[in-house]
C-alpha atoms as a PDB file:
ATOM      1  CA  MET A   1      15.433  19.776 -31.254  1.00  0.00           C
ATOM      2  CA  ASN A   2      15.353  20.423 -27.522  1.00  0.00           C
ATOM      3  CA  ILE A   3      12.145  20.448 -25.500  1.00  0.00           C
ATOM      4  CA  ASP A   4      11.830  24.250 -25.476  1.00  0.00           C
ATOM      5  CA  GLU A   5      12.095  24.440 -29.265  1.00  0.00           C
ATOM      6  CA  LEU A   6       9.644  21.573 -29.578  1.00  0.00           C
ATOM      7  CA  VAL A   7       7.046  23.277 -27.366  1.00  0.00           C
ATOM      8  CA  ALA A   8       7.568  26.597 -29.142  1.00  0.00           C
ATOM      9  CA  ARG A   9       6.925  24.998 -32.539  1.00  0.00           C
ATOM     10  CA  ILE A  10       3.859  23.117 -31.254  1.00  0.00           C
ATOM     11  CA  ASN A  11       2.490  26.387 -29.864  1.00  0.00           C
ATOM     12  CA  GLU A  12       3.245  28.206 -33.109  1.00  0.00           C
ATOM     13  CA  LEU A  13       1.302  25.592 -35.074  1.00  0.00           C
ATOM     14  CA  ALA A  14      -1.562  25.773 -32.559  1.00  0.00           C
ATOM     15  CA  ARG A  15      -1.809  29.551 -32.982  1.00  0.00           C
ATOM     16  CA  LYS A  16      -1.738  29.208 -36.755  1.00  0.00           C
ATOM     17  CA  HIS A  17      -4.455  26.548 -36.625  1.00  0.00           C
ATOM     18  CA  LYS A  18      -6.606  28.796 -34.444  1.00  0.00           C
ATOM     19  CA  ASN A  19      -6.127  31.855 -36.665  1.00  0.00           C
ATOM     20  CA  GLY A  20      -6.499  30.398 -40.109  1.00  0.00           C
ATOM     21  CA  GLY A  21      -5.749  26.748 -40.434  1.00  0.00           C
ATOM     22  CA  LEU A  22      -2.899  24.466 -41.309  1.00  0.00           C
ATOM     23  CA  ASN A  23      -1.940  22.832 -44.570  1.00  0.00           C
ATOM     24  CA  GLN A  24      -1.457  19.062 -44.764  1.00  0.00           C
ATOM     25  CA  GLU A  25       2.309  19.259 -44.153  1.00  0.00           C
ATOM     26  CA  GLU A  26       1.791  21.330 -41.004  1.00  0.00           C
ATOM     27  CA  VAL A  27      -0.900  18.960 -39.721  1.00  0.00           C
ATOM     28  CA  ALA A  28       1.519  16.054 -40.165  1.00  0.00           C
ATOM     29  CA  GLU A  29       4.332  18.017 -38.506  1.00  0.00           C
ATOM     30  CA  ARG A  30       2.074  18.908 -35.576  1.00  0.00           C
ATOM     31  CA  ALA A  31       1.121  15.245 -35.079  1.00  0.00           C
ATOM     32  CA  LYS A  32       4.779  14.168 -35.209  1.00  0.00           C
ATOM     33  CA  LEU A  33       5.861  16.872 -32.741  1.00  0.00           C
ATOM     34  CA  ARG A  34       3.047  15.990 -30.351  1.00  0.00           C
ATOM     35  CA  GLU A  35       4.090  12.329 -30.374  1.00  0.00           C
ATOM     36  CA  ILE A  36       7.701  13.304 -29.646  1.00  0.00           C
ATOM     37  CA  TYR A  37       6.528  15.549 -26.794  1.00  0.00           C
ATOM     38  CA  LEU A  38       4.258  12.886 -25.296  1.00  0.00           C
ATOM     39  CA  GLY A  39       7.015  10.280 -25.616  1.00  0.00           C
ATOM     40  CA  ASN A  40       9.305  12.584 -23.671  1.00  0.00           C
ATOM     41  CA  ILE A  41       6.699  13.054 -20.929  1.00  0.00           C
ATOM     42  CA  ARG A  42       6.098   9.303 -20.727  1.00  0.00           C
ATOM     43  CA  SER A  43       9.787   8.484 -20.431  1.00  0.00           C
ATOM     44  CA  ASN A  44      10.334  11.155 -17.765  1.00  0.00           C
ATOM     45  CA  PHE A  45       7.333   9.908 -15.794  1.00  0.00           C
ATOM     46  CA  ARG A  46       8.529   6.307 -16.101  1.00  0.00           C
ATOM     47  CA  ALA A  47      11.972   7.364 -14.841  1.00  0.00           C
ATOM     48  CA  GLN A  48      10.365   9.036 -11.824  1.00  0.00           C
ATOM     49  CA  LEU A  49       8.320   5.928 -11.074  1.00  0.00           C
ATOM     50  CA  ASP A  50      11.455   3.802 -11.297  1.00  0.00           C
ATOM     51  CA  THR A  51      13.059   5.826  -8.513  1.00  0.00           C
ATOM     52  CA  ILE A  52      10.202   5.240  -6.068  1.00  0.00           C
ATOM     53  CA  GLU A  53      11.081   2.766  -3.355  1.00  0.00           C
ATOM     54  CA  ILE A  54       8.342   1.001  -1.418  1.00  0.00           C
ATOM     55  CA  VAL A  55       9.400  -0.018   2.053  1.00  0.00           C
ATOM     56  CA  ASP A  56       7.580  -2.577   4.188  1.00  0.00           C
ATOM     57  CA  ASN A  57       7.872  -1.406   7.782  1.00  0.00           C
ATOM     58  CA  PRO A  58       5.529  -3.198  10.208  1.00  0.00           C
ATOM     59  CA  GLU A  59       6.027  -0.545  12.909  1.00  0.00           C
ATOM     60  CA  HIS A  60       4.429   2.156  10.744  1.00  0.00           C
ATOM     61  CA  GLU A  61       1.752   0.209   8.881  1.00  0.00           C
ATOM     62  CA  GLU A  62      -1.017   2.662   9.726  1.00  0.00           C
ATOM     63  CA  GLY A  63       1.059   5.818   9.259  1.00  0.00           C
ATOM     64  CA  ASN A  64       2.194   6.209   5.674  1.00  0.00           C
ATOM     65  CA  ASN A  65       1.104   2.879   4.189  1.00  0.00           C
ATOM     66  CA  GLY A  66       4.714   1.756   3.771  1.00  0.00           C
ATOM     67  CA  LEU A  67       5.759   4.601   1.468  1.00  0.00           C
ATOM     68  CA  LYS A  68       9.158   6.158   1.942  1.00  0.00           C
ATOM     69  CA  HIS A  69       9.437   9.873   1.206  1.00  0.00           C
END
């Protein structure tokens, strides 16, 4: 299941919950899908953090606090 399908199903379950409620299977499915979605967000965020490079440049200590853009 790709991310778009995952979000669509989560939203579908949210609408159903709002309009009438979910049965036990749907509640379990919603919890599982949310964990998959959050895991995806966490891994993407971690990958972004891994690409950040901190540079120590004494000439520009006051400027950008050593961060390279």
